[in-house]
Amino acid sequence: MKVLMFGWEFPPHISGGLGTACLGLTKAMLRQGVEIIFVVPRAYGDENQNDMQLVGANSIRVKINRYQFGEMETKRSNLQYVTIGANLVPYVSEEEYFDIINNKVSVDRQFKVHAAASTGTIDLRGGYGGGLMNEVSSYAYIAEEIAKQFQFDVIHAHDWMTYDAGIAAKQVSGKPLVVHVHATEFDRSGMHVNQVVYDMERRGMHCADKVLTVSNLTRNTVINHYGVPEDKVTTVYNGVEAIGAKSSLHFEKSFDDKVVTFLGRITYQKGPEYFLEAAAKVLQRKKNVKFVMAGSGDMLEKMMWRAAELGISKNFFFTGFLRGDDVIHMLSISDVYVMPSVSEPFGISPLEAMRSNVPVIISKQSGVAEVLQHAIKVDFWDVDSMADAIYGIISYDALGQMFREYGKKEVDSIKWDNAAKRIKEVYKNLSENR
């Protein structure tokens, strides 16, 4: 079984949990005997490829059409041309544009277009910054060529940035398409969805032969908000990688204060403001506590100002985005890990914390709450309950020890191999039913 897999990021070049999930899943799939061609927008050469084939879309040569246009001048016969490095012509409607590139321009239009085709690569950057939609479109265009060059049995696309690429590969190859929903626009934006992103998500889900979701919470969103038939959607829970030799690094605190940690994107979805408000309530009762918000995002500055307004800046620290050994270091010195997400499709970070012997407090509005028993679960908005839970764990040693001991045993059974086995069965059924 060979799979053409489209992703948007891959360790060590990651911006969040998507890349971490892709690494854990692909390693487990390889152990199941599945061959993987993993495509990313841009390959750097230092990715942890294991035995899979990693392809950078930025290295694939494709046909590039470059257009020249010029306004006709009535008093002079000369014509000025400007070279455009994309299929765009200014000041024309959509219908006129297609007429132009198909050589159907009306003579009464006072401009002329020359087209020249060449082959080359497109300099994709990946990431989530400006020009994201253009990169998503270019990625799908390159996916057509990739689907022609490689042999595979199934297509697997991770999250909305890659859905159009998966659709393009399916149209060229005729192979079945699996889309993997790690998050939806409703998780990221609440009810104020970006219509363009929503439309891409919906198109991907309806064009797919199978939709995988990381929790039943996400499955219900896909069915109810995207109109996908129930029998087409399967929940496959994420896992966590076993601790290897490098990951067994351990760091000791150089101070006696308790440490309570938030580790994730500082965005609406992750509920950082609720963590901050709970911190203020805890500090009213217990002073020897340090709260850490590790991550980056569009709400970072707002959270800094709010910490100052609440008068807790001396006990509240912002580290910026952490990765690799820095994450291990942070968890090693943490006494409690809190994930107060407003809407979390799954949430791998609590599993990583439990693996590091850290008690966890998670929101009931998270997918991982469906699989964890030895975690304290609170509503994200209930900052009083969140503060009580934090205070209890850092104040009563026996309570913290109980969650550390049983939590570690529980998380050791939540493996990526379980997810890989279920997904391999999905591949098998799709191939047999075609």
Protein backbone atom coordinates (compact mmCIF):
# COMPACT_ATOMS: atom_id res chain seq x y z
CA MET A 1 0.00 0.00 0.00
CA LYS A 2 1.49 3.34 -1.08
CA VAL A 3 -0.01 6.67 0.00
CA LEU A 4 0.45 10.13 -1.50
CA MET A 5 0.13 12.37 1.55
CA PHE A 6 -0.21 16.15 1.44
CA GLY A 7 0.74 18.20 4.51
CA TRP A 8 1.51 21.83 5.20
CA GLU A 9 4.31 21.53 7.75
CA PHE A 10 6.67 18.87 9.04
CA PRO A 11 9.11 18.88 11.99
CA PRO A 12 11.35 20.59 12.78
CA HIS A 13 9.63 23.34 10.76
CA ILE A 14 6.30 23.65 12.56
CA SER A 15 3.95 26.35 13.81
CA GLY A 16 1.72 24.18 16.00
CA GLY A 17 0.28 20.72 16.55
CA LEU A 18 -0.39 19.86 12.89
CA GLY A 19 3.24 19.12 12.08
CA THR A 20 3.67 17.13 15.29
CA ALA A 21 0.62 15.03 14.44
CA CYS A 22 1.86 14.39 10.91
CA LEU A 23 5.23 13.18 12.22
CA GLY A 24 3.71 10.84 14.80
CA LEU A 25 1.20 9.42 12.35
CA THR A 26 3.62 8.88 9.47
CA LYS A 27 6.13 7.09 11.71
CA ALA A 28 3.36 4.79 12.95
CA MET A 29 2.07 4.20 9.38
CA LEU A 30 5.57 3.18 8.30
CA ARG A 31 5.65 0.64 11.14
CA GLN A 32 2.38 -0.74 9.73
CA GLY A 33 4.12 -1.38 6.41
CA VAL A 34 2.52 1.54 4.56
CA GLU A 35 4.75 3.36 2.05
CA ILE A 36 4.41 7.13 2.20
CA ILE A 37 5.22 9.93 -0.22
CA PHE A 38 4.82 13.00 1.99
CA VAL A 39 4.50 16.34 0.18
CA VAL A 40 5.04 19.74 1.81
CA PRO A 41 5.05 23.17 0.18
CA ARG A 42 8.74 23.63 0.88
CA ALA A 43 11.37 21.05 1.88
CA TYR A 44 14.44 22.21 3.79
CA GLY A 45 16.45 18.99 3.81
CA ASP A 46 16.68 18.55 7.57
CA GLU A 47 13.26 16.96 8.09
CA ASN A 48 13.00 13.67 10.02
CA GLN A 49 12.08 11.52 7.01
CA ASN A 50 12.67 8.06 8.51
CA ASP A 51 11.94 5.65 5.64
CA MET A 52 9.37 7.75 3.84
CA GLN A 53 9.90 9.90 0.75
CA LEU A 54 9.54 13.59 1.51
CA VAL A 55 8.86 15.85 -1.50
CA GLY A 56 9.02 19.64 -1.53
CA ALA A 57 6.45 21.07 -3.93
CA ASN A 58 8.85 23.98 -4.44
CA SER A 59 11.24 21.58 -6.24
CA ILE A 60 8.71 20.23 -8.77
CA ARG A 61 8.97 21.68 -12.28
CA VAL A 62 5.64 22.70 -13.74
CA LYS A 63 4.40 24.59 -16.78
CA ILE A 64 4.24 28.33 -16.12
CA ASN A 65 2.33 30.66 -18.41
CA ARG A 66 3.54 34.25 -18.52
CA TYR A 67 1.40 36.88 -20.16
CA GLN A 68 2.29 40.20 -21.76
CA PHE A 69 -0.35 42.87 -22.13
CA GLY A 70 -0.31 46.37 -23.55
CA GLU A 71 -2.75 49.17 -24.16
CA MET A 72 -3.26 50.09 -27.82
CA GLU A 73 -2.48 53.73 -28.45
CA THR A 74 -4.68 55.57 -31.00
CA LYS A 75 -2.15 58.19 -32.06
CA ARG A 76 0.95 56.04 -32.12
CA SER A 77 1.47 52.58 -33.50
CA ASN A 78 3.89 51.42 -30.85
CA LEU A 79 2.69 48.99 -28.20
CA GLN A 80 4.00 48.75 -24.63
CA TYR A 81 4.13 45.37 -22.93
CA VAL A 82 4.50 44.41 -19.30
CA THR A 83 5.48 40.86 -18.30
CA ILE A 84 3.26 39.30 -15.60
CA GLY A 85 4.57 36.30 -13.65
CA ALA A 86 1.11 34.90 -13.10
CA ASN A 87 -2.12 34.30 -14.99
CA LEU A 88 -3.47 37.77 -14.24
CA VAL A 89 -4.47 40.66 -16.51
CA PRO A 90 -5.65 43.93 -14.91
CA TYR A 91 -8.90 45.75 -15.55
CA VAL A 92 -10.80 42.87 -17.12
CA SER A 93 -13.73 40.82 -15.91
CA GLU A 94 -13.57 37.08 -15.16
CA GLU A 95 -15.23 36.28 -18.51
CA GLU A 96 -12.84 38.56 -20.43
CA TYR A 97 -9.87 37.00 -18.64
CA PHE A 98 -10.78 33.51 -19.85
CA ASP A 99 -11.35 34.91 -23.34
CA ILE A 100 -7.85 36.39 -23.24
CA ILE A 101 -6.01 33.23 -22.22
CA ASN A 102 -7.99 31.22 -24.77
CA ASN A 103 -7.12 33.68 -27.58
CA LYS A 104 -10.70 34.93 -27.96
CA VAL A 105 -10.08 38.61 -27.38
CA SER A 106 -12.44 40.92 -29.25
CA VAL A 107 -10.70 43.33 -31.65
CA ASP A 108 -12.55 46.33 -30.25
CA ARG A 109 -10.71 45.93 -26.96
CA GLN A 110 -7.75 48.25 -27.17
CA PHE A 111 -5.06 46.01 -25.76
CA LYS A 112 -3.15 42.98 -27.01
CA VAL A 113 -1.92 39.95 -25.11
CA HIS A 114 1.00 37.67 -25.86
CA ALA A 115 1.40 34.38 -23.97
CA ALA A 116 4.62 32.42 -23.49
CA ALA A 117 4.86 29.03 -21.78
CA SER A 118 7.93 27.72 -19.97
CA THR A 119 8.72 25.20 -17.25
CA GLY A 120 10.08 26.05 -13.86
CA THR A 121 9.52 25.80 -10.12
CA ILE A 122 7.27 27.92 -7.91
CA ASP A 123 8.93 29.36 -4.83
CA LEU A 124 6.53 28.20 -2.14
CA ARG A 125 7.35 29.17 1.44
CA GLY A 126 4.78 27.29 3.50
CA GLY A 127 3.75 28.88 6.77
CA TYR A 128 0.60 30.88 7.45
CA GLY A 129 1.53 34.48 6.66
CA GLY A 130 0.63 36.84 3.85
CA GLY A 131 -0.04 35.26 0.49
CA LEU A 132 -1.37 32.07 2.08
CA MET A 133 -4.28 31.72 -0.36
CA ASN A 134 -1.96 32.15 -3.35
CA GLU A 135 0.30 29.42 -1.98
CA VAL A 136 -2.66 27.11 -1.39
CA SER A 137 -3.67 27.60 -5.04
CA SER A 138 -0.12 27.06 -6.33
CA TYR A 139 0.22 23.96 -4.14
CA ALA A 140 -2.89 22.48 -5.77
CA TYR A 141 -1.52 23.30 -9.23
CA ILE A 142 1.76 21.52 -8.46
CA ALA A 143 -0.15 18.57 -6.97
CA GLU A 144 -1.46 17.75 -10.44
CA GLU A 145 2.10 17.27 -11.70
CA ILE A 146 3.10 15.29 -8.61
CA ALA A 147 0.14 12.94 -9.16
CA LYS A 148 1.38 12.33 -12.71
CA GLN A 149 4.97 11.61 -11.64
CA PHE A 150 4.39 9.17 -8.74
CA GLN A 151 2.62 5.84 -8.36
CA PHE A 152 0.31 5.45 -5.36
CA ASP A 153 -2.90 3.77 -4.19
CA VAL A 154 -4.54 6.39 -1.94
CA ILE A 155 -4.37 10.18 -1.44
CA HIS A 156 -4.39 11.59 2.10
CA ALA A 157 -4.68 15.36 2.70
CA HIS A 158 -4.14 16.99 6.11
CA ASP A 159 -6.22 20.07 6.97
CA TRP A 160 -7.79 22.68 4.70
CA MET A 161 -4.60 24.11 3.15
CA THR A 162 -4.04 20.80 1.36
CA TYR A 163 -7.60 19.83 0.41
CA ASP A 164 -7.46 21.45 -3.05
CA ALA A 165 -4.14 19.68 -3.67
CA GLY A 166 -5.78 16.38 -2.74
CA ILE A 167 -8.72 17.09 -5.06
CA ALA A 168 -6.35 17.95 -7.92
CA ALA A 169 -4.40 14.72 -7.41
CA LYS A 170 -7.64 12.73 -7.33
CA GLN A 171 -8.86 14.26 -10.59
CA VAL A 172 -5.60 13.40 -12.35
CA SER A 173 -5.11 9.90 -10.93
CA GLY A 174 -8.62 8.64 -10.18
CA LYS A 175 -7.36 7.35 -6.82
CA PRO A 176 -9.50 7.60 -3.65
CA LEU A 177 -9.07 10.70 -1.48
CA VAL A 178 -9.01 10.80 2.33
CA VAL A 179 -9.15 14.21 4.02
CA HIS A 180 -8.00 14.47 7.62
CA VAL A 181 -9.73 17.18 9.67
CA HIS A 182 -7.41 18.31 12.46
CA ALA A 183 -9.43 21.50 13.02
CA THR A 184 -12.25 23.42 11.37
CA GLU A 185 -12.87 27.11 10.77
CA PHE A 186 -15.45 26.97 13.57
CA ASP A 187 -12.70 25.93 16.00
CA ARG A 188 -10.35 28.69 14.88
CA SER A 189 -12.87 31.53 14.57
CA GLY A 190 -15.98 30.58 16.49
CA MET A 191 -19.07 31.54 14.53
CA HIS A 192 -17.23 34.37 12.69
CA VAL A 193 -15.90 32.08 9.99
CA ASN A 194 -13.78 33.06 7.02
CA GLN A 195 -16.09 32.15 4.16
CA VAL A 196 -13.24 31.37 1.74
CA VAL A 197 -11.65 28.91 4.18
CA TYR A 198 -15.04 27.38 5.01
CA ASP A 199 -15.77 26.84 1.31
CA MET A 200 -12.39 25.13 0.83
CA GLU A 201 -13.03 22.88 3.82
CA ARG A 202 -16.51 21.97 2.63
CA ARG A 203 -15.33 21.29 -0.93
CA GLY A 204 -12.58 19.02 0.36
CA MET A 205 -14.91 17.07 2.62
CA HIS A 206 -17.53 16.53 -0.09
CA CYS A 207 -14.98 15.59 -2.78
CA ALA A 208 -13.29 13.10 -0.45
CA ASP A 209 -14.14 9.42 -0.40
CA LYS A 210 -13.60 9.38 3.39
CA VAL A 211 -13.31 12.06 6.05
CA LEU A 212 -11.21 11.42 9.16
CA THR A 213 -11.75 13.53 12.29
CA VAL A 214 -9.58 13.62 15.40
CA SER A 215 -12.52 13.42 17.83
CA ASN A 216 -16.26 12.93 17.99
CA LEU A 217 -16.50 16.63 18.81
CA THR A 218 -15.00 17.42 15.40
CA ARG A 219 -17.02 14.68 13.73
CA ASN A 220 -20.25 16.33 14.90
CA THR A 221 -19.05 19.68 13.55
CA VAL A 222 -18.29 18.13 10.15
CA ILE A 223 -21.71 16.49 9.97
CA ASN A 224 -23.77 19.39 11.33
CA HIS A 225 -21.96 22.42 9.88
CA TYR A 226 -20.61 21.02 6.60
CA GLY A 227 -23.43 18.66 5.64
CA VAL A 228 -21.24 15.57 5.27
CA PRO A 229 -23.10 12.23 5.52
CA GLU A 230 -22.52 10.42 8.82
CA ASP A 231 -21.34 7.18 7.21
CA LYS A 232 -18.58 9.07 5.42
CA VAL A 233 -16.97 10.42 8.62
CA THR A 234 -14.77 8.31 10.91
CA THR A 235 -13.15 9.37 14.18
CA VAL A 236 -9.50 8.44 14.64
CA TYR A 237 -7.99 9.77 17.85
CA ASN A 238 -4.47 11.18 17.88
CA GLY A 239 -1.71 9.66 19.93
CA VAL A 240 1.56 10.65 21.50
CA GLU A 241 5.04 9.41 20.71
CA ALA A 242 6.83 7.22 23.21
CA ILE A 243 9.72 8.87 25.02
CA GLY A 244 12.99 8.14 23.24
CA ALA A 245 16.53 8.56 24.48
CA LYS A 246 16.69 12.26 23.51
CA SER A 247 13.23 12.98 24.85
CA SER A 248 14.12 11.57 28.27
CA LEU A 249 16.01 14.77 29.08
CA HIS A 250 14.98 16.15 32.42
CA PHE A 251 15.51 19.57 33.95
CA GLU A 252 15.26 20.59 37.59
CA LYS A 253 13.79 23.81 38.96
CA SER A 254 16.24 26.19 40.60
CA PHE A 255 13.52 27.72 42.80
CA ASP A 256 10.78 26.53 45.17
CA ASP A 257 7.74 28.26 43.65
CA LYS A 258 5.13 26.12 41.92
CA VAL A 259 4.90 26.45 38.12
CA VAL A 260 1.62 26.41 36.21
CA THR A 261 1.97 26.26 32.43
CA PHE A 262 -0.10 27.14 29.35
CA LEU A 263 1.61 25.93 26.17
CA GLY A 264 -0.01 26.63 22.82
CA ARG A 265 -0.95 29.30 20.32
CA ILE A 266 -2.10 32.49 22.00
CA THR A 267 -5.27 32.79 19.95
CA TYR A 268 -9.02 32.83 20.52
CA GLN A 269 -9.30 29.07 20.03
CA LYS A 270 -6.89 28.23 22.86
CA GLY A 271 -8.61 30.37 25.52
CA PRO A 272 -5.53 32.16 26.92
CA GLU A 273 -7.63 34.87 28.60
CA TYR A 274 -9.35 32.29 30.80
CA PHE A 275 -5.99 30.94 31.95
CA LEU A 276 -4.91 34.47 32.83
CA GLU A 277 -8.07 35.24 34.79
CA ALA A 278 -7.76 31.94 36.70
CA ALA A 279 -4.12 32.80 37.48
CA ALA A 280 -5.19 36.07 39.10
CA LYS A 281 -7.66 34.21 41.32
CA VAL A 282 -5.04 31.65 42.40
CA LEU A 283 -2.52 34.39 43.23
CA GLN A 284 -5.06 35.98 45.56
CA ARG A 285 -4.84 32.81 47.68
CA LYS A 286 -1.26 31.66 47.11
CA LYS A 287 1.70 33.92 46.32
CA ASN A 288 4.54 31.46 45.66
CA VAL A 289 3.29 30.45 42.19
CA LYS A 290 4.68 31.30 38.77
CA PHE A 291 2.38 31.18 35.76
CA VAL A 292 3.89 30.66 32.31
CA MET A 293 2.24 31.34 28.96
CA ALA A 294 4.42 29.66 26.34
CA GLY A 295 3.54 30.38 22.73
CA SER A 296 2.85 33.10 20.22
CA GLY A 297 -0.23 34.41 18.45
CA ASP A 298 -2.43 37.36 17.68
CA MET A 299 -3.60 37.75 21.30
CA LEU A 300 -0.13 37.90 22.86
CA GLU A 301 0.03 41.67 23.28
CA LYS A 302 -3.52 41.77 24.65
CA MET A 303 -2.60 39.13 27.25
CA MET A 304 0.48 41.11 28.32
CA TRP A 305 -1.64 44.21 28.88
CA ARG A 306 -4.25 42.21 30.79
CA ALA A 307 -1.60 40.71 33.10
CA ALA A 308 -0.45 44.25 33.87
CA GLU A 309 -4.04 45.42 34.50
CA LEU A 310 -4.59 42.57 36.96
CA GLY A 311 -1.32 43.39 38.75
CA ILE A 312 0.15 39.89 38.33
CA SER A 313 3.06 40.65 35.96
CA LYS A 314 5.66 39.71 38.60
CA ASN A 315 4.25 36.18 38.70
CA PHE A 316 3.26 35.82 35.06
CA PHE A 317 5.80 35.05 32.33
CA PHE A 318 5.63 34.98 28.52
CA THR A 319 8.26 32.82 26.81
CA GLY A 320 7.33 33.09 23.14
CA PHE A 321 7.05 30.03 20.89
CA LEU A 322 8.85 26.92 22.19
CA ARG A 323 9.94 23.82 20.31
CA GLY A 324 12.08 20.71 20.77
CA ASP A 325 14.10 20.54 23.98
CA ASP A 326 12.65 23.85 25.17
CA VAL A 327 9.21 22.19 25.41
CA ILE A 328 10.72 19.29 27.35
CA HIS A 329 12.46 21.77 29.64
CA MET A 330 9.22 23.68 30.28
CA LEU A 331 7.22 20.57 31.07
CA SER A 332 10.01 19.21 33.30
CA ILE A 333 9.73 22.17 35.66
CA SER A 334 5.93 22.41 35.55
CA ASP A 335 3.71 21.35 38.45
CA VAL A 336 0.45 21.72 36.50
CA TYR A 337 -0.40 21.97 32.81
CA VAL A 338 -3.60 23.81 31.79
CA MET A 339 -5.36 23.68 28.40
CA PRO A 340 -8.43 25.97 28.62
CA SER A 341 -9.34 25.74 24.91
CA VAL A 342 -12.62 27.26 23.76
CA SER A 343 -12.82 24.67 20.98
CA GLU A 344 -10.09 22.04 20.67
CA PRO A 345 -10.61 19.31 18.05
CA PHE A 346 -8.21 17.08 19.99
CA GLY A 347 -5.19 18.51 21.84
CA ILE A 348 -1.89 16.61 21.84
CA SER A 349 -0.13 18.87 24.36
CA PRO A 350 -1.94 17.44 27.45
CA LEU A 351 -0.74 13.99 26.42
CA GLU A 352 2.81 15.29 26.19
CA ALA A 353 2.45 16.84 29.64
CA MET A 354 1.11 13.60 31.17
CA ARG A 355 3.93 11.70 29.49
CA SER A 356 6.27 14.07 31.37
CA ASN A 357 4.55 13.30 34.71
CA VAL A 358 2.66 16.60 34.87
CA PRO A 359 -0.97 16.69 36.12
CA VAL A 360 -3.28 18.29 33.56
CA ILE A 361 -6.41 20.43 33.62
CA ILE A 362 -8.31 20.49 30.31
CA SER A 363 -11.48 22.07 29.03
CA LYS A 364 -14.56 19.93 28.52
CA GLN A 365 -14.72 21.49 25.05
CA SER A 366 -11.71 19.48 23.84
CA GLY A 367 -11.56 16.25 21.89
CA VAL A 368 -8.89 14.80 24.18
CA ALA A 369 -11.43 14.96 27.03
CA GLU A 370 -13.18 12.06 25.28
CA VAL A 371 -10.22 9.72 25.87
CA LEU A 372 -8.68 10.90 29.15
CA GLN A 373 -9.89 9.73 32.54
CA HIS A 374 -7.10 10.98 34.81
CA ALA A 375 -7.34 14.66 34.01
CA ILE A 376 -9.38 17.41 35.65
CA LYS A 377 -12.02 18.68 33.21
CA VAL A 378 -13.63 22.11 33.50
CA ASP A 379 -15.67 24.34 31.21
CA PHE A 380 -13.29 26.81 29.55
CA TRP A 381 -15.34 29.78 30.77
CA ASP A 382 -15.53 28.63 34.40
CA VAL A 383 -12.42 30.40 35.71
CA ASP A 384 -13.46 29.81 39.33
CA SER A 385 -13.42 26.01 38.86
CA MET A 386 -10.18 26.28 36.89
CA ALA A 387 -8.58 28.28 39.69
CA ASP A 388 -9.82 25.80 42.33
CA ALA A 389 -8.36 22.89 40.35
CA ILE A 390 -4.99 24.63 40.00
CA TYR A 391 -4.93 25.56 43.68
CA GLY A 392 -5.82 22.01 44.74
CA ILE A 393 -3.05 20.34 42.75
CA ILE A 394 -0.30 22.76 43.83
CA SER A 395 -1.44 22.79 47.47
CA TYR A 396 -2.03 19.09 48.17
CA ASP A 397 0.89 16.86 47.26
CA ALA A 398 -1.12 13.63 47.40
CA LEU A 399 -3.57 14.94 44.79
CA GLY A 400 -0.80 15.93 42.39
CA GLN A 401 0.98 12.62 42.91
CA MET A 402 -2.19 10.67 42.13
CA PHE A 403 -2.68 12.45 38.81
CA ARG A 404 1.00 12.05 37.91
CA GLU A 405 1.03 8.33 38.60
CA TYR A 406 -2.24 7.33 36.95
CA GLY A 407 -1.96 9.89 34.19
CA LYS A 408 1.40 8.50 33.09
CA LYS A 409 0.00 4.95 32.95
CA GLU A 410 -3.01 6.14 30.97
CA VAL A 411 -1.10 8.13 28.37
CA ASP A 412 1.29 5.24 27.74
CA SER A 413 -1.65 3.37 26.18
CA ILE A 414 -2.63 6.23 23.81
CA LYS A 415 -0.32 5.44 20.92
CA TRP A 416 -0.02 6.59 17.32
CA ASP A 417 0.06 2.90 16.36
CA ASN A 418 -3.62 2.64 17.30
CA ALA A 419 -4.45 5.50 14.92
CA ALA A 420 -2.26 4.03 12.17
CA LYS A 421 -4.03 0.68 12.32
CA ARG A 422 -7.45 2.30 11.93
CA ILE A 423 -6.33 4.48 9.04
CA LYS A 424 -4.68 1.57 7.27
CA GLU A 425 -8.02 -0.24 7.46
CA VAL A 426 -9.70 2.81 5.89
CA TYR A 427 -7.19 2.72 3.03
CA LYS A 428 -7.78 -0.99 2.53
CA ASN A 429 -11.58 -0.62 2.39
CA LEU A 430 -11.39 2.24 -0.08
CA SER A 431 -9.07 0.33 -2.38
CA GLU A 432 -11.16 -2.84 -2.26
CA ASN A 433 -14.45 -1.01 -2.87
CA ARG A 434 -13.35 0.84 -5.97
